[in-house]
C-alpha cells in the first residue's frame, strides 16, 4: 500500500527511505532529491513526518530546509488590496 508523506508532490515513505539509503541523510538533500516540501504547503504538512522518518533511518533531521521566496514576488500592497470575499 502506498503511504504518502508529502501529498503536494506525491512523495511516499518508500521513496524517502530509498533516498536515505542512497546517501541523502539530511532534510535539504531529501528535498532536492525527492521534491519533498516544494508543493503548495511548502512543507507545513510533511516536514514533521519526513524528519521522523529520517531520524528513524539514521539521518540528521535537525537542520531543516532552506525556504525559497515565491517565483513571482508579490508586493504587500497588492495582497492588502485583495477582497477577502472573492478568495
PDB file of N, CA and C in Angstrom:
ATOM      1  N   UNK A   1       0.838  -1.178   0.000  1.00  0.00           N
ATOM      2  CA  UNK A   1       0.000   0.000   0.000  1.00  0.00           C
ATOM      3  C   UNK A   1       0.890   1.251   0.000  1.00  0.00           C
ATOM      4  N   UNK A   2       0.511   2.218  -0.806  1.00  0.00           N
ATOM      5  CA  UNK A   2       1.269   3.469  -0.947  1.00  0.00           C
ATOM      6  C   UNK A   2       0.962   4.393   0.229  1.00  0.00           C
ATOM      7  N   UNK A   3       2.000   4.842   0.917  1.00  0.00           N
ATOM      8  CA  UNK A   3       1.848   5.742   2.061  1.00  0.00           C
ATOM      9  C   UNK A   3       2.529   7.071   1.744  1.00  0.00           C
ATOM     10  N   UNK A   4       1.721   8.114   1.535  1.00  0.00           N
ATOM     11  CA  UNK A   4       2.253   9.420   1.168  1.00  0.00           C
ATOM     12  C   UNK A   4       2.775  10.166   2.386  1.00  0.00           C
ATOM     13  N   UNK A   5       3.931  10.765   2.232  1.00  0.00           N
ATOM     14  CA  UNK A   5       4.478  11.657   3.246  1.00  0.00           C
ATOM     15  C   UNK A   5       4.193  13.095   2.821  1.00  0.00           C
ATOM     16  N   UNK A   6       4.457  13.411   1.545  1.00  0.00           N
ATOM     17  CA  UNK A   6       4.202  14.744   1.001  1.00  0.00           C
ATOM     18  C   UNK A   6       3.076  14.631  -0.029  1.00  0.00           C
ATOM     19  N   UNK A   7       1.896  15.056   0.359  1.00  0.00           N
ATOM     20  CA  UNK A   7       0.742  14.954  -0.542  1.00  0.00           C
ATOM     21  C   UNK A   7       0.848  15.896  -1.729  1.00  0.00           C
ATOM     22  N   UNK A   8       1.430  17.062  -1.524  1.00  0.00           N
ATOM     23  CA  UNK A   8       1.537  18.055  -2.611  1.00  0.00           C
ATOM     24  C   UNK A   8       2.370  17.526  -3.775  1.00  0.00           C
ATOM     25  N   UNK A   9       3.448  16.851  -3.470  1.00  0.00           N
ATOM     26  CA  UNK A   9       4.378  16.382  -4.502  1.00  0.00           C
ATOM     27  C   UNK A   9       4.357  14.873  -4.675  1.00  0.00           C
ATOM     28  N   UNK A  10       3.425  14.188  -4.007  1.00  0.00           N
ATOM     29  CA  UNK A  10       3.244  12.742  -4.162  1.00  0.00           C
ATOM     30  C   UNK A  10       4.522  11.960  -3.828  1.00  0.00           C
ATOM     31  N   UNK A  11       5.151  12.317  -2.709  1.00  0.00           N
ATOM     32  CA  UNK A  11       6.365  11.629  -2.262  1.00  0.00           C
ATOM     33  C   UNK A  11       5.963  10.607  -1.195  1.00  0.00           C
ATOM     34  N   UNK A  12       6.354   9.363  -1.408  1.00  0.00           N
ATOM     35  CA  UNK A  12       5.979   8.297  -0.491  1.00  0.00           C
ATOM     36  C   UNK A  12       7.085   8.023   0.528  1.00  0.00           C
ATOM     37  N   UNK A  13       6.715   7.313   1.590  1.00  0.00           N
ATOM     38  CA  UNK A  13       7.717   6.932   2.587  1.00  0.00           C
ATOM     39  C   UNK A  13       8.744   5.983   1.980  1.00  0.00           C
ATOM     40  N   UNK A  14       8.317   5.158   1.036  1.00  0.00           N
ATOM     41  CA  UNK A  14       9.239   4.257   0.330  1.00  0.00           C
ATOM     42  C   UNK A  14      10.313   5.054  -0.424  1.00  0.00           C
ATOM     43  N   UNK A  15       9.905   6.124  -1.101  1.00  0.00           N
ATOM     44  CA  UNK A  15      10.865   6.961  -1.832  1.00  0.00           C
ATOM     45  C   UNK A  15      11.845   7.639  -0.881  1.00  0.00           C
ATOM     46  N   UNK A  16      11.348   8.087   0.267  1.00  0.00           N
ATOM     47  CA  UNK A  16      12.240   8.721   1.242  1.00  0.00           C
ATOM     48  C   UNK A  16      13.239   7.727   1.806  1.00  0.00           C
ATOM     49  N   UNK A  17      12.778   6.530   2.135  1.00  0.00           N
ATOM     50  CA  UNK A  17      13.698   5.505   2.645  1.00  0.00           C
ATOM     51  C   UNK A  17      14.766   5.161   1.611  1.00  0.00           C
ATOM     52  N   UNK A  18      14.352   5.035   0.358  1.00  0.00           N
ATOM     53  CA  UNK A  18      15.306   4.736  -0.712  1.00  0.00           C
ATOM     54  C   UNK A  18      16.315   5.879  -0.854  1.00  0.00           C
ATOM     55  N   UNK A  19      15.854   7.116  -0.758  1.00  0.00           N
ATOM     56  CA  UNK A  19      16.756   8.268  -0.862  1.00  0.00           C
ATOM     57  C   UNK A  19      17.788   8.258   0.259  1.00  0.00           C
ATOM     58  N   UNK A  20      17.354   7.891   1.465  1.00  0.00           N
ATOM     59  CA  UNK A  20      18.285   7.829   2.601  1.00  0.00           C
ATOM     60  C   UNK A  20      19.335   6.749   2.358  1.00  0.00           C
ATOM     61  N   UNK A  21      18.936   5.598   1.832  1.00  0.00           N
ATOM     62  CA  UNK A  21      19.914   4.540   1.560  1.00  0.00           C
ATOM     63  C   UNK A  21      20.884   4.937   0.449  1.00  0.00           C
ATOM     64  N   UNK A  22      20.456   5.873  -0.418  1.00  0.00           N
ATOM     65  CA  UNK A  22      21.344   6.366  -1.475  1.00  0.00           C
ATOM     66  C   UNK A  22      22.292   7.454  -0.989  1.00  0.00           C
ATOM     67  N   UNK A  23      22.145   7.858   0.287  1.00  0.00           N
ATOM     68  CA  UNK A  23      23.075   8.818   0.857  1.00  0.00           C
ATOM     69  C   UNK A  23      22.509  10.191   1.156  1.00  0.00           C
ATOM     70  N   UNK A  24      21.233  10.400   0.913  1.00  0.00           N
ATOM     71  CA  UNK A  24      20.604  11.685   1.219  1.00  0.00           C
ATOM     72  C   UNK A  24      20.149  11.653   2.683  1.00  0.00           C
ATOM     73  N   UNK A  25      21.026  12.105   3.582  1.00  0.00           N
ATOM     74  CA  UNK A  25      20.808  11.896   5.008  1.00  0.00           C
ATOM     75  C   UNK A  25      20.497  13.170   5.779  1.00  0.00           C
ATOM     76  N   UNK A  26      20.076  14.228   5.062  1.00  0.00           N
ATOM     77  CA  UNK A  26      19.619  15.455   5.740  1.00  0.00           C
ATOM     78  C   UNK A  26      18.398  15.974   4.983  1.00  0.00           C
ATOM     79  N   UNK A  27      17.644  16.882   5.614  1.00  0.00           N
ATOM     80  CA  UNK A  27      16.379  17.341   5.044  1.00  0.00           C
ATOM     81  C   UNK A  27      16.572  18.080   3.712  1.00  0.00           C
ATOM     82  N   UNK A  28      17.575  18.922   3.628  1.00  0.00           N
ATOM     83  CA  UNK A  28      17.790  19.681   2.384  1.00  0.00           C
ATOM     84  C   UNK A  28      18.105  18.742   1.223  1.00  0.00           C
ATOM     85  N   UNK A  29      18.911  17.743   1.470  1.00  0.00           N
ATOM     86  CA  UNK A  29      19.247  16.773   0.433  1.00  0.00           C
ATOM     87  C   UNK A  29      18.015  15.968   0.021  1.00  0.00           C
ATOM     88  N   UNK A  30      17.211  15.558   1.001  1.00  0.00           N
ATOM     89  CA  UNK A  30      15.973  14.835   0.687  1.00  0.00           C
ATOM     90  C   UNK A  30      15.032  15.695  -0.144  1.00  0.00           C
ATOM     91  N   UNK A  31      14.936  16.956   0.220  1.00  0.00           N
ATOM     92  CA  UNK A  31      14.070  17.882  -0.517  1.00  0.00           C
ATOM     93  C   UNK A  31      14.510  17.987  -1.969  1.00  0.00           C
ATOM     94  N   UNK A  32      15.788  18.166  -2.179  1.00  0.00           N
ATOM     95  CA  UNK A  32      16.305  18.322  -3.540  1.00  0.00           C
ATOM     96  C   UNK A  32      16.185  17.036  -4.359  1.00  0.00           C
ATOM     97  N   UNK A  33      16.330  15.889  -3.718  1.00  0.00           N
ATOM     98  CA  UNK A  33      16.280  14.616  -4.434  1.00  0.00           C
ATOM     99  C   UNK A  33      14.850  14.176  -4.747  1.00  0.00           C
ATOM    100  N   UNK A  34      13.918  14.385  -3.794  1.00  0.00           N
ATOM    101  CA  UNK A  34      12.561  13.854  -3.954  1.00  0.00           C
ATOM    102  C   UNK A  34      11.508  14.895  -4.311  1.00  0.00           C
ATOM    103  N   UNK A  35      11.774  16.162  -4.057  1.00  0.00           N
ATOM    104  CA  UNK A  35      10.747  17.187  -4.260  1.00  0.00           C
ATOM    105  C   UNK A  35       9.907  17.418  -3.024  1.00  0.00           C
ATOM    106  N   UNK A  36      10.250  16.755  -1.947  1.00  0.00           N
ATOM    107  CA  UNK A  36       9.559  16.915  -0.672  1.00  0.00           C
ATOM    108  C   UNK A  36       9.497  18.390  -0.278  1.00  0.00           C
ATOM    109  N   UNK A  37       8.362  18.850   0.203  1.00  0.00           N
ATOM    110  CA  UNK A  37       8.180  20.201   0.750  1.00  0.00           C
ATOM    111  C   UNK A  37       8.309  21.316  -0.282  1.00  0.00           C
ATOM    112  N   UNK A  38       8.096  20.989  -1.563  1.00  0.00           N
ATOM    113  CA  UNK A  38       8.182  22.024  -2.588  1.00  0.00           C
ATOM    114  C   UNK A  38       6.820  22.340  -3.200  1.00  0.00           C
ATOM    115  N   UNK A  39       5.766  21.764  -2.663  1.00  0.00           N
ATOM    116  CA  UNK A  39       4.424  21.999  -3.199  1.00  0.00           C
ATOM    117  C   UNK A  39       3.745  23.183  -2.543  1.00  0.00           C
ATOM    118  N   UNK A  40       2.421  23.197  -2.629  1.00  0.00           N
ATOM    119  CA  UNK A  40       1.628  24.316  -2.124  1.00  0.00           C
ATOM    120  C   UNK A  40       1.849  24.600  -0.656  1.00  0.00           C
ATOM    121  N   UNK A  41       2.010  23.584   0.150  1.00  0.00           N
ATOM    122  CA  UNK A  41       2.115  23.809   1.600  1.00  0.00           C
ATOM    123  C   UNK A  41       3.525  24.197   2.039  1.00  0.00           C
ATOM    124  N   UNK A  42       4.506  24.084   1.130  1.00  0.00           N
ATOM    125  CA  UNK A  42       5.899  24.426   1.427  1.00  0.00           C
ATOM    126  C   UNK A  42       6.434  23.693   2.663  1.00  0.00           C
ATOM    127  N   UNK A  43       5.988  22.463   2.847  1.00  0.00           N
ATOM    128  CA  UNK A  43       6.495  21.639   3.921  1.00  0.00           C
ATOM    129  C   UNK A  43       5.696  21.664   5.208  1.00  0.00           C
ATOM    130  N   UNK A  44       4.681  22.488   5.281  1.00  0.00           N
ATOM    131  CA  UNK A  44       3.909  22.579   6.519  1.00  0.00           C
ATOM    132  C   UNK A  44       3.168  21.288   6.839  1.00  0.00           C
ATOM    133  N   UNK A  45       2.863  20.506   5.816  1.00  0.00           N
ATOM    134  CA  UNK A  45       2.147  19.262   6.048  1.00  0.00           C
ATOM    135  C   UNK A  45       3.010  18.025   6.085  1.00  0.00           C
ATOM    136  N   UNK A  46       4.273  18.135   5.675  1.00  0.00           N
ATOM    137  CA  UNK A  46       5.073  16.912   5.532  1.00  0.00           C
ATOM    138  C   UNK A  46       6.424  16.924   6.244  1.00  0.00           C
ATOM    139  N   UNK A  47       6.929  18.064   6.630  1.00  0.00           N
ATOM    140  CA  UNK A  47       8.278  18.093   7.207  1.00  0.00           C
ATOM    141  C   UNK A  47       8.391  17.303   8.508  1.00  0.00           C
ATOM    142  N   UNK A  48       7.351  17.357   9.330  1.00  0.00           N
ATOM    143  CA  UNK A  48       7.388  16.608  10.589  1.00  0.00           C
ATOM    144  C   UNK A  48       7.503  15.115  10.353  1.00  0.00           C
ATOM    145  N   UNK A  49       6.676  14.598   9.445  1.00  0.00           N
ATOM    146  CA  UNK A  49       6.716  13.165   9.130  1.00  0.00           C
ATOM    147  C   UNK A  49       8.035  12.776   8.479  1.00  0.00           C
ATOM    148  N   UNK A  50       8.522  13.628   7.591  1.00  0.00           N
ATOM    149  CA  UNK A  50       9.795  13.335   6.926  1.00  0.00           C
ATOM    150  C   UNK A  50      10.955  13.354   7.918  1.00  0.00           C
ATOM    151  N   UNK A  51      10.945  14.304   8.845  1.00  0.00           N
ATOM    152  CA  UNK A  51      12.009  14.374   9.856  1.00  0.00           C
ATOM    153  C   UNK A  51      11.989  13.142  10.747  1.00  0.00           C
ATOM    154  N   UNK A  52      10.804  12.695  11.114  1.00  0.00           N
ATOM    155  CA  UNK A  52      10.678  11.487  11.945  1.00  0.00           C
ATOM    156  C   UNK A  52      11.223  10.273  11.188  1.00  0.00           C
ATOM    157  N   UNK A  53      10.831  10.128   9.913  1.00  0.00           N
ATOM    158  CA  UNK A  53      11.305   9.014   9.107  1.00  0.00           C
ATOM    159  C   UNK A  53      12.822   9.069   8.941  1.00  0.00           C
ATOM    160  N   UNK A  54      13.352  10.261   8.739  1.00  0.00           N
ATOM    161  CA  UNK A  54      14.797  10.435   8.584  1.00  0.00           C
ATOM    162  C   UNK A  54      15.534  10.075   9.868  1.00  0.00           C
ATOM    163  N   UNK A  55      14.999  10.471  11.015  1.00  0.00           N
ATOM    164  CA  UNK A  55      15.633  10.150  12.296  1.00  0.00           C
ATOM    165  C   UNK A  55      15.654   8.643  12.537  1.00  0.00           C
ATOM    166  N   UNK A  56      14.557   7.971  12.233  1.00  0.00           N
ATOM    167  CA  UNK A  56      14.478   6.521  12.408  1.00  0.00           C
ATOM    168  C   UNK A  56      15.463   5.814  11.477  1.00  0.00           C
ATOM    169  N   UNK A  57      15.646   6.379  10.279  1.00  0.00           N
ATOM    170  CA  UNK A  57      16.553   5.772   9.298  1.00  0.00           C
ATOM    171  C   UNK A  57      18.013   6.101   9.563  1.00  0.00           C
ATOM    172  N   UNK A  58      18.293   6.904  10.597  1.00  0.00           N
ATOM    173  CA  UNK A  58      19.670   7.206  10.950  1.00  0.00           C
ATOM    174  C   UNK A  58      20.234   8.459  10.323  1.00  0.00           C
ATOM    175  N   UNK A  59      19.374   9.295   9.772  1.00  0.00           N
ATOM    176  CA  UNK A  59      19.842  10.535   9.159  1.00  0.00           C
ATOM    177  C   UNK A  59      19.907  11.673  10.160  1.00  0.00           C
ATOM    178  N   UNK A  60      20.048  12.891   9.664  1.00  0.00           N
ATOM    179  CA  UNK A  60      20.153  14.088  10.501  1.00  0.00           C
ATOM    180  C   UNK A  60      18.997  15.043  10.193  1.00  0.00           C
ATOM    181  N   UNK A  61      17.860  14.900  10.882  1.00  0.00           N
ATOM    182  CA  UNK A  61      16.682  15.702  10.560  1.00  0.00           C
ATOM    183  C   UNK A  61      16.703  17.116  11.127  1.00  0.00           C
ATOM    184  N   UNK A  62      17.621  17.442  12.005  1.00  0.00           N
ATOM    185  CA  UNK A  62      17.562  18.689  12.744  1.00  0.00           C
ATOM    186  C   UNK A  62      17.805  19.963  11.973  1.00  0.00           C
ATOM    187  N   UNK A  63      18.400  19.892  10.799  1.00  0.00           N
ATOM    188  CA  UNK A  63      18.794  21.109  10.109  1.00  0.00           C
ATOM    189  C   UNK A  63      17.654  21.817   9.390  1.00  0.00           C
ATOM    190  N   UNK A  64      16.635  21.130   8.968  1.00  0.00           N
ATOM    191  CA  UNK A  64      15.520  21.756   8.264  1.00  0.00           C
ATOM    192  C   UNK A  64      15.825  21.991   6.798  1.00  0.00           C
ATOM    193  N   UNK A  65      15.029  22.861   6.165  1.00  0.00           N
ATOM    194  CA  UNK A  65      15.191  23.149   4.745  1.00  0.00           C
ATOM    195  C   UNK A  65      15.401  24.642   4.538  1.00  0.00           C
ATOM    196  N   UNK A  66      15.881  24.998   3.373  1.00  0.00           N
ATOM    197  CA  UNK A  66      16.075  26.400   3.017  1.00  0.00           C
ATOM    198  C   UNK A  66      14.796  26.925   2.381  1.00  0.00           C
ATOM    199  N   UNK A  67      14.141  27.896   3.003  1.00  0.00           N
ATOM    200  CA  UNK A  67      12.912  28.431   2.394  1.00  0.00           C
ATOM    201  C   UNK A  67      13.242  29.240   1.146  1.00  0.00           C
ATOM    202  N   UNK A  68      12.363  29.189   0.187  1.00  0.00           N
ATOM    203  CA  UNK A  68      12.549  29.922  -1.061  1.00  0.00           C
ATOM    204  C   UNK A  68      11.444  30.959  -1.206  1.00  0.00           C
ATOM    205  N   UNK A  69      11.763  32.141  -1.750  1.00  0.00           N
ATOM    206  CA  UNK A  69      10.728  33.146  -1.991  1.00  0.00           C
ATOM    207  C   UNK A  69       9.834  32.711  -3.148  1.00  0.00           C
ATOM    208  N   UNK A  70       8.652  33.298  -3.268  1.00  0.00           N
ATOM    209  CA  UNK A  70       7.778  32.968  -4.409  1.00  0.00           C
ATOM    210  C   UNK A  70       8.485  33.261  -5.740  1.00  0.00           C
ATOM    211  N   UNK A  71       8.137  32.508  -6.741  1.00  0.00           N
ATOM    212  CA  UNK A  71       8.750  32.691  -8.055  1.00  0.00           C
ATOM    213  C   UNK A  71       8.454  34.077  -8.614  1.00  0.00           C
ATOM    214  N   UNK A  72       7.206  34.489  -8.483  1.00  0.00           N
ATOM    215  CA  UNK A  72       6.810  35.835  -8.899  1.00  0.00           C
ATOM    216  C   UNK A  72       6.513  36.631  -7.637  1.00  0.00           C
ATOM    217  N   UNK A  73       7.439  37.463  -7.188  1.00  0.00           N
ATOM    218  CA  UNK A  73       7.208  38.228  -5.953  1.00  0.00           C
ATOM    219  C   UNK A  73       5.937  39.076  -6.041  1.00  0.00           C
ATOM    220  N   UNK A  74       5.248  39.164  -4.922  1.00  0.00           N
ATOM    221  CA  UNK A  74       4.012  39.933  -4.825  1.00  0.00           C
ATOM    222  C   UNK A  74       4.208  40.982  -3.744  1.00  0.00           C
ATOM    223  N   UNK A  75       3.848  42.213  -4.049  1.00  0.00           N
ATOM    224  CA  UNK A  75       4.015  43.275  -3.053  1.00  0.00           C
ATOM    225  C   UNK A  75       2.950  43.150  -1.966  1.00  0.00           C
ATOM    226  N   UNK A  76       3.260  43.662  -0.789  1.00  0.00           N
ATOM    227  CA  UNK A  76       2.284  43.647   0.299  1.00  0.00           C
ATOM    228  C   UNK A  76       1.076  44.501  -0.058  1.00  0.00           C
ATOM    229  N   UNK A  77       1.276  45.576  -0.790  1.00  0.00           N
ATOM    230  CA  UNK A  77       0.158  46.425  -1.203  1.00  0.00           C
ATOM    231  C   UNK A  77      -0.825  45.649  -2.079  1.00  0.00           C
ATOM    232  N   UNK A  78      -0.303  44.820  -2.978  1.00  0.00           N
ATOM    233  CA  UNK A  78      -1.176  44.013  -3.834  1.00  0.00           C
ATOM    234  C   UNK A  78      -1.964  42.998  -3.005  1.00  0.00           C
ATOM    235  N   UNK A  79      -1.324  42.409  -2.010  1.00  0.00           N
ATOM    236  CA  UNK A  79      -2.024  41.458  -1.145  1.00  0.00           C
ATOM    237  C   UNK A  79      -3.068  42.152  -0.283  1.00  0.00           C
ATOM    238  N   UNK A  80      -2.748  43.339   0.212  1.00  0.00           N
ATOM    239  CA  UNK A  80      -3.680  44.091   1.055  1.00  0.00           C
ATOM    240  C   UNK A  80      -4.901  44.547   0.269  1.00  0.00           C
ATOM    241  N   UNK A  81      -4.753  44.727  -1.030  1.00  0.00           N
ATOM    242  CA  UNK A  81      -5.865  45.184  -1.869  1.00  0.00           C
ATOM    243  C   UNK A  81      -6.822  44.064  -2.247  1.00  0.00           C
ATOM    244  N   UNK A  82      -6.493  42.818  -1.964  1.00  0.00           N
ATOM    245  CA  UNK A  82      -7.367  41.701  -2.312  1.00  0.00           C
ATOM    246  C   UNK A  82      -8.660  41.750  -1.496  1.00  0.00           C
ATOM    247  N   UNK A  83      -9.751  41.384  -2.149  1.00  0.00           N
ATOM    248  CA  UNK A  83     -11.054  41.321  -1.480  1.00  0.00           C
ATOM    249  C   UNK A  83     -11.191  39.926  -0.853  1.00  0.00           C
ATOM    250  N   UNK A  84     -11.249  39.820   0.479  1.00  0.00           N
ATOM    251  CA  UNK A  84     -11.304  38.500   1.118  1.00  0.00           C
ATOM    252  C   UNK A  84     -12.568  37.719   0.760  1.00  0.00           C
ATOM    253  N   UNK A  85     -13.599  38.403   0.336  1.00  0.00           N
ATOM    254  CA  UNK A  85     -14.847  37.714  -0.055  1.00  0.00           C
ATOM    255  C   UNK A  85     -14.698  36.986  -1.392  1.00  0.00           C
ATOM    256  N   UNK A  86     -13.718  37.368  -2.183  1.00  0.00           N
ATOM    257  CA  UNK A  86     -13.549  36.787  -3.514  1.00  0.00           C
ATOM    258  C   UNK A  86     -12.447  35.719  -3.550  1.00  0.00           C
ATOM    259  N   UNK A  87     -11.844  35.419  -2.425  1.00  0.00           N
ATOM    260  CA  UNK A  87     -10.756  34.412  -2.408  1.00  0.00           C
ATOM    261  C   UNK A  87     -11.297  33.023  -2.311  1.00  0.00           C
TER     262      UNK A  87
END
